[in-house]
Amino acid sequence: MLQHRISLALGAVISTIFLGIGGYFLIGGGRWSIFDCFYMTIVTLTTVGFGEVLPLASTSLGRPFTIGLLFAGIISMSCLVGSVTAFMIEGDLSGFRWRKRMDSFVKRMHGHIVVCGAGSTGIHCVRELAAIGAPFVVVDRREEIARAITREHGGAAVVGDATHDEVLVEAGIERARGVISALTEDKDNLYVTVTARALNPRLRIVAKAIELGAEPKLRRAGADSVVSPNVMGGLRMVSEMVRPEVTGFLDELLRNKEQTLRIEEIAVPEGSGLAGLPVGEIDLTGHGLLLLAVKDPASEGGRYSYNPAPDHVVSPGTVLIVLGEPEKVRRLSSLTVSA
């Protein structure tokens, strides 16, 4: 709205200038140069008080036109100055209020995910976290991007450089459950990984790797998982070639606006009511979930049992891999922990 007012006021000022130039040129009958007419217009509109550059007294319309031009200039210039001032003040106040609101929001958050960088990779991380209802804080240097993300996807944001310790602390790194480092440089992701691990040893850290050689360095620095967009892109392109229906099905899971379905995991902790039960006695279907696999910690290397038999016994530490809506998965997970 303010931008529109500024555009209108600026257009009025420019129109008044051209009106003054044209008016003086016509009043002078073409005897006065365009530059002199322009100079006289500017002197009049700015009310600097210089003498008359043009012999206005020699014409009957010279001074009356100048009076009218003076009032038009005062009105248009006042509108422009007022609009610009309002834009600056309201913009600063709006930014200040937004930053205070975000600061208050972040301080109340626990168990959230910190997304470092909202570039070409980070923005997709944010969209997926928003789609599954996971709390997140995005960290980006660009305030306009951060504000647009919170406006469109919710969550919270911190404006700053994610490689700085104090910025990560401001994002609640000590209370977070995970960090996604999706910056554009491997060295920056390496720095975030080292810093985040030092600030919160319990974090799960997922880091982006541009160069293939960066993966072992990121893992040694403390990353739990390293994702290369180039590698993932190559695998996706091959999948589109050799198994297009499978990739189409997975795309439908991610893009369906009416029903958000994801492949999720449910951990069975020690003391859970599910521990010791066969999977056939767990009412996953009643919770709207489909069991795809079971990761048994007792097996060598924690192998996955795909489509487990109904008599497969769930032991403490088992992870159930299910297909369903994230909200239903969270509901069953909470029952599992409290059971």
Protein backbone atom coordinates (compact mmCIF):
# COMPACT_ATOMS: atom_id res chain seq x y z
CA MET A 1 0.00 0.00 0.00
CA LEU A 2 2.76 2.45 0.94
CA GLN A 3 4.72 1.54 -2.19
CA HIS A 4 1.65 2.43 -4.24
CA ARG A 5 1.32 5.78 -2.46
CA ILE A 6 5.00 6.54 -3.09
CA SER A 7 4.60 5.71 -6.79
CA LEU A 8 1.59 8.00 -7.09
CA ALA A 9 3.34 10.85 -5.24
CA LEU A 10 6.48 10.47 -7.35
CA GLY A 11 4.37 10.48 -10.49
CA ALA A 12 2.65 13.68 -9.32
CA VAL A 13 6.01 15.41 -8.72
CA ILE A 14 7.34 14.41 -12.14
CA SER A 15 4.09 15.49 -13.81
CA THR A 16 4.29 18.86 -12.03
CA ILE A 17 7.85 19.36 -13.29
CA PHE A 18 6.84 18.64 -16.87
CA LEU A 19 3.79 20.87 -16.45
CA GLY A 20 6.04 23.71 -15.26
CA ILE A 21 8.49 23.31 -18.14
CA GLY A 22 5.72 23.18 -20.73
CA GLY A 23 3.80 26.06 -19.15
CA TYR A 24 6.80 28.41 -19.04
CA PHE A 25 7.78 27.49 -22.58
CA LEU A 26 4.28 28.30 -23.88
CA ILE A 27 3.96 31.47 -21.82
CA GLY A 28 7.28 32.69 -23.22
CA GLY A 29 6.13 31.97 -26.76
CA GLY A 30 9.18 29.81 -27.37
CA ARG A 31 11.60 32.65 -26.54
CA TRP A 32 12.84 30.95 -23.34
CA SER A 33 15.06 27.89 -23.58
CA ILE A 34 13.93 24.52 -22.26
CA PHE A 35 16.75 24.56 -19.70
CA ASP A 36 15.73 27.98 -18.40
CA CYS A 37 12.14 26.77 -18.13
CA PHE A 38 13.34 23.65 -16.27
CA TYR A 39 15.53 25.73 -13.95
CA MET A 40 12.68 28.12 -13.16
CA THR A 41 10.39 25.14 -12.45
CA ILE A 42 12.86 23.56 -10.04
CA VAL A 43 13.49 26.88 -8.27
CA THR A 44 9.75 27.33 -7.84
CA LEU A 45 8.98 23.78 -6.66
CA THR A 46 11.83 23.66 -4.16
CA THR A 47 10.90 27.13 -2.79
CA VAL A 48 14.58 28.09 -2.49
CA GLY A 49 13.76 31.78 -2.89
CA PHE A 50 16.04 32.63 -5.81
CA GLY A 51 15.08 35.51 -8.11
CA GLU A 52 13.12 35.09 -11.30
CA VAL A 53 15.36 33.64 -13.97
CA LEU A 54 12.73 34.32 -16.62
CA PRO A 55 11.16 37.77 -17.16
CA LEU A 56 7.78 36.71 -15.83
CA ALA A 57 6.59 40.29 -15.35
CA SER A 58 6.73 40.79 -19.12
CA THR A 59 3.80 38.43 -19.58
CA SER A 60 0.34 38.50 -18.04
CA LEU A 61 0.33 34.78 -17.21
CA GLY A 62 3.92 34.40 -15.92
CA ARG A 63 3.43 35.15 -12.24
CA PRO A 64 -0.11 33.70 -11.89
CA PHE A 65 1.16 30.45 -13.43
CA THR A 66 4.12 30.45 -11.03
CA ILE A 67 1.78 30.85 -8.04
CA GLY A 68 -0.30 27.90 -9.22
CA LEU A 69 2.84 25.86 -9.90
CA LEU A 70 4.13 26.69 -6.44
CA PHE A 71 0.99 25.35 -4.72
CA ALA A 72 0.97 22.24 -6.93
CA GLY A 73 4.63 21.65 -6.09
CA ILE A 74 4.09 22.03 -2.35
CA ILE A 75 1.24 19.51 -2.42
CA SER A 76 2.99 16.91 -4.57
CA MET A 77 6.34 17.26 -2.77
CA SER A 78 4.64 17.02 0.63
CA CYS A 79 2.86 13.85 -0.44
CA LEU A 80 6.14 12.33 -1.67
CA VAL A 81 8.11 13.25 1.45
CA GLY A 82 5.30 12.05 3.71
CA SER A 83 4.95 8.73 1.90
CA VAL A 84 8.70 8.06 1.92
CA THR A 85 8.94 8.96 5.61
CA ALA A 86 5.99 6.73 6.46
CA PHE A 87 7.52 3.88 4.46
CA MET A 88 10.83 4.17 6.31
CA ILE A 89 9.26 4.45 9.76
CA GLU A 90 6.64 1.73 9.26
CA GLY A 91 9.19 -0.52 7.60
CA ASP A 92 11.58 -0.20 10.52
CA LEU A 93 8.81 -0.67 13.07
CA SER A 94 7.42 -3.65 11.19
CA GLY A 95 10.86 -5.24 11.02
CA PHE A 96 11.45 -4.56 14.70
CA ARG A 97 8.10 -6.09 15.69
CA TRP A 98 8.72 -9.14 13.51
CA ARG A 99 12.18 -9.74 14.98
CA LYS A 100 10.83 -9.40 18.53
CA ARG A 101 8.00 -11.84 17.75
CA MET A 102 10.41 -14.35 16.25
CA ASP A 103 12.76 -14.04 19.24
CA SER A 104 9.90 -14.71 21.63
CA PHE A 105 8.69 -17.63 19.51
CA VAL A 106 12.11 -19.29 19.34
CA LYS A 107 12.66 -18.99 23.10
CA ARG A 108 9.51 -21.07 23.69
CA MET A 109 10.49 -23.82 21.24
CA HIS A 110 11.88 -27.22 22.25
CA GLY A 111 12.64 -30.26 20.14
CA HIS A 112 12.59 -28.27 16.91
CA ILE A 113 14.75 -28.53 13.80
CA VAL A 114 17.12 -25.75 12.81
CA VAL A 115 17.45 -25.28 9.04
CA CYS A 116 20.61 -23.37 8.16
CA GLY A 117 20.19 -21.67 4.80
CA ALA A 118 17.00 -21.07 2.82
CA GLY A 119 18.52 -21.36 -0.63
CA SER A 120 17.70 -23.80 -3.42
CA THR A 121 18.01 -26.81 -1.07
CA GLY A 122 16.99 -25.32 2.27
CA ILE A 123 13.67 -23.98 1.00
CA HIS A 124 12.57 -27.52 0.08
CA CYS A 125 13.55 -28.69 3.57
CA VAL A 126 11.37 -25.95 5.02
CA ARG A 127 8.41 -26.87 2.81
CA GLU A 128 8.59 -30.53 3.80
CA LEU A 129 8.91 -29.74 7.52
CA ALA A 130 5.89 -27.45 7.24
CA ALA A 131 3.93 -30.12 5.33
CA ILE A 132 4.48 -32.77 8.03
CA GLY A 133 3.91 -30.32 10.88
CA ALA A 134 7.43 -30.49 12.34
CA PRO A 135 8.49 -27.36 14.29
CA PHE A 136 11.45 -25.59 12.71
CA VAL A 137 13.58 -22.46 12.84
CA VAL A 138 15.16 -21.27 9.61
CA VAL A 139 18.42 -19.30 9.73
CA ASP A 140 19.23 -17.06 6.77
CA ARG A 141 21.12 -13.82 6.20
CA ARG A 142 18.32 -12.29 4.12
CA GLU A 143 15.53 -10.85 6.23
CA GLU A 144 13.09 -10.59 3.34
CA ILE A 145 13.49 -14.32 2.63
CA ALA A 146 13.14 -15.23 6.30
CA ARG A 147 9.98 -13.14 6.64
CA ALA A 148 8.49 -14.63 3.48
CA ILE A 149 9.11 -18.16 4.79
CA THR A 150 7.41 -17.53 8.14
CA ARG A 151 4.52 -15.84 6.37
CA GLU A 152 4.00 -18.70 3.90
CA HIS A 153 5.10 -21.79 5.84
CA GLY A 154 4.89 -20.80 9.49
CA GLY A 155 7.68 -21.77 11.86
CA ALA A 156 10.21 -19.26 13.13
CA ALA A 157 13.23 -17.53 11.67
CA VAL A 158 16.50 -15.97 12.76
CA VAL A 159 18.27 -13.47 10.51
CA GLY A 160 22.02 -13.94 10.56
CA ASP A 161 25.02 -16.01 9.50
CA ALA A 162 24.56 -19.64 10.53
CA THR A 163 28.34 -20.09 10.82
CA HIS A 164 28.36 -17.77 13.85
CA ASP A 165 27.91 -19.39 17.25
CA GLU A 166 25.66 -16.66 18.62
CA VAL A 167 23.25 -17.00 15.69
CA LEU A 168 22.85 -20.74 16.29
CA VAL A 169 22.32 -20.07 20.00
CA GLU A 170 19.66 -17.52 19.08
CA ALA A 171 17.98 -20.22 16.97
CA GLY A 172 17.69 -22.40 20.09
CA ILE A 173 20.35 -24.92 19.07
CA GLU A 174 20.74 -26.09 22.68
CA ARG A 175 17.03 -27.06 22.82
CA ALA A 176 16.74 -28.40 19.26
CA ARG A 177 16.57 -32.06 18.28
CA GLY A 178 18.24 -31.66 14.92
CA VAL A 179 20.06 -29.42 12.46
CA ILE A 180 19.89 -29.39 8.68
CA SER A 181 22.88 -27.55 7.26
CA ALA A 182 21.94 -26.63 3.69
CA LEU A 183 24.36 -23.78 2.96
CA THR A 184 25.86 -23.33 -0.48
CA GLU A 185 29.51 -23.92 0.48
CA ASP A 186 30.96 -27.14 1.88
CA LYS A 187 33.24 -25.20 4.22
CA ASP A 188 30.24 -23.39 5.70
CA ASN A 189 28.36 -26.66 6.23
CA LEU A 190 31.49 -28.09 7.84
CA TYR A 191 31.72 -25.12 10.19
CA VAL A 192 28.03 -25.37 11.13
CA THR A 193 28.43 -29.10 11.80
CA VAL A 194 31.41 -28.60 14.13
CA THR A 195 29.74 -25.70 15.94
CA ALA A 196 26.36 -27.40 16.31
CA ARG A 197 27.94 -30.60 17.64
CA ALA A 198 29.92 -28.62 20.20
CA LEU A 199 26.87 -26.63 21.34
CA ASN A 200 24.57 -29.65 21.59
CA PRO A 201 26.15 -33.13 21.49
CA ARG A 202 22.68 -34.78 21.41
CA LEU A 203 21.70 -33.26 18.06
CA ARG A 204 21.07 -35.22 14.91
CA ILE A 205 22.92 -33.33 12.19
CA VAL A 206 22.18 -33.71 8.49
CA ALA A 207 24.62 -31.81 6.27
CA LYS A 208 24.60 -30.98 2.58
CA ALA A 209 27.70 -31.86 0.53
CA ILE A 210 28.46 -30.24 -2.81
CA GLU A 211 31.73 -32.01 -3.60
CA LEU A 212 31.88 -35.79 -3.13
CA GLY A 213 35.11 -35.42 -1.17
CA ALA A 214 33.33 -33.35 1.47
CA GLU A 215 31.25 -36.25 2.82
CA PRO A 216 33.95 -37.98 4.92
CA LYS A 217 35.06 -34.62 6.32
CA LEU A 218 31.51 -33.74 7.35
CA ARG A 219 31.06 -37.13 9.01
CA ARG A 220 34.32 -36.76 10.92
CA ALA A 221 33.18 -33.29 11.99
CA GLY A 222 30.08 -34.79 13.59
CA ALA A 223 27.39 -35.06 10.91
CA ASP A 224 25.08 -38.06 11.42
CA SER A 225 24.10 -38.08 7.78
CA VAL A 226 25.41 -36.37 4.65
CA VAL A 227 23.26 -35.75 1.58
CA SER A 228 24.61 -34.81 -1.83
CA PRO A 229 21.99 -33.14 -4.06
CA ASN A 230 24.02 -34.16 -7.10
CA VAL A 231 24.02 -37.83 -6.12
CA MET A 232 20.34 -37.79 -5.19
CA GLY A 233 19.51 -36.03 -8.44
CA GLY A 234 21.36 -38.69 -10.43
CA LEU A 235 19.56 -41.52 -8.62
CA ARG A 236 16.23 -39.80 -9.23
CA MET A 237 16.92 -39.43 -12.95
CA VAL A 238 17.73 -43.13 -13.28
CA SER A 239 14.57 -44.01 -11.31
CA GLU A 240 12.51 -41.87 -13.67
CA MET A 241 14.01 -43.83 -16.55
CA VAL A 242 13.74 -47.42 -15.30
CA ARG A 243 10.86 -47.30 -12.77
CA PRO A 244 8.64 -44.31 -13.65
CA GLU A 245 5.52 -45.68 -11.91
CA VAL A 246 7.35 -46.07 -8.61
CA THR A 247 8.66 -42.51 -8.72
CA GLY A 248 5.21 -41.33 -9.74
CA PHE A 249 3.73 -43.04 -6.69
CA LEU A 250 6.30 -41.47 -4.38
CA ASP A 251 5.71 -38.07 -5.96
CA GLU A 252 2.00 -38.45 -5.32
CA LEU A 253 2.75 -39.05 -1.63
CA LEU A 254 4.64 -35.77 -1.46
CA ARG A 255 2.37 -33.63 -3.63
CA ASN A 256 -1.10 -34.76 -2.55
CA LYS A 257 -2.71 -31.65 -1.05
CA GLU A 258 -5.77 -33.47 0.28
CA GLN A 259 -3.94 -36.18 2.24
CA THR A 260 -0.35 -35.89 3.48
CA LEU A 261 1.18 -39.37 3.43
CA ARG A 262 4.77 -40.10 4.39
CA ILE A 263 6.95 -43.09 5.18
CA GLU A 264 7.64 -42.55 8.88
CA GLU A 265 9.33 -44.37 11.76
CA ILE A 266 8.06 -45.28 15.22
CA ALA A 267 10.62 -46.18 17.87
CA VAL A 268 9.61 -48.67 20.58
CA PRO A 269 11.44 -47.68 23.78
CA GLU A 270 12.20 -49.80 26.85
CA GLY A 271 9.07 -50.25 28.95
CA SER A 272 6.66 -49.63 26.09
CA GLY A 273 3.44 -51.60 26.01
CA LEU A 274 4.29 -52.66 22.47
CA ALA A 275 7.50 -54.37 23.52
CA GLY A 276 7.07 -58.13 23.48
CA LEU A 277 4.00 -58.09 21.25
CA PRO A 278 3.87 -59.72 17.81
CA VAL A 279 3.31 -57.18 15.08
CA GLY A 280 0.05 -58.94 14.26
CA GLU A 281 -1.37 -57.85 17.61
CA ILE A 282 -0.47 -54.19 17.12
CA ASP A 283 -3.49 -52.41 15.68
CA LEU A 284 -1.61 -50.35 13.10
CA THR A 285 -4.48 -50.56 10.62
CA GLY A 286 -6.82 -49.15 13.24
CA HIS A 287 -4.53 -46.14 13.49
CA GLY A 288 -4.58 -45.73 9.70
CA LEU A 289 -0.99 -46.95 9.26
CA LEU A 290 0.56 -49.56 6.99
CA LEU A 291 3.56 -51.50 8.30
CA LEU A 292 6.32 -51.71 5.68
CA ALA A 293 9.32 -52.98 7.64
CA VAL A 294 10.80 -53.54 11.08
CA LYS A 295 14.34 -52.69 12.14
CA ASP A 296 15.34 -55.13 14.87
CA PRO A 297 18.26 -53.93 17.02
CA ALA A 298 19.04 -57.54 18.01
CA SER A 299 19.85 -58.52 14.44
CA GLU A 300 23.35 -58.11 13.07
CA GLY A 301 23.86 -54.51 11.99
CA GLY A 302 20.25 -53.66 12.79
CA ARG A 303 18.86 -55.16 9.61
CA TYR A 304 15.40 -54.42 8.25
CA SER A 305 12.71 -57.09 8.01
CA TYR A 306 10.46 -56.14 5.12
CA ASN A 307 6.77 -57.06 5.31
CA PRO A 308 7.30 -58.88 8.61
CA ALA A 309 5.20 -61.91 9.49
CA PRO A 310 2.36 -61.41 12.01
CA ASP A 311 4.29 -63.44 14.61
CA HIS A 312 7.37 -61.21 14.41
CA VAL A 313 7.94 -60.08 18.01
CA VAL A 314 8.68 -56.40 18.69
CA SER A 315 11.51 -55.95 21.17
CA PRO A 316 12.66 -52.78 22.98
CA GLY A 317 14.64 -50.60 20.60
CA THR A 318 12.76 -51.84 17.54
CA VAL A 319 11.86 -49.25 14.91
CA LEU A 320 8.65 -49.69 12.94
CA ILE A 321 8.69 -48.30 9.40
CA VAL A 322 5.14 -47.32 8.46
CA LEU A 323 3.23 -45.52 5.75
CA GLY A 324 0.63 -43.03 6.92
CA GLU A 325 -0.23 -39.47 7.83
CA PRO A 326 2.38 -37.77 10.05
CA GLU A 327 -0.25 -36.72 12.59
CA LYS A 328 -1.40 -40.32 13.04
CA VAL A 329 2.20 -41.45 13.37
CA ARG A 330 2.81 -38.84 16.08
CA ARG A 331 -0.34 -39.94 17.89
CA LEU A 332 0.75 -43.59 17.95
CA SER A 333 4.31 -42.58 18.88
CA SER A 334 3.02 -40.67 21.89
CA LEU A 335 0.97 -43.69 22.96
CA THR A 336 4.01 -45.88 22.52
CA VAL A 337 6.13 -43.70 24.78
CA SER A 338 3.44 -43.33 27.42
CA ALA A 339 2.37 -46.96 27.34
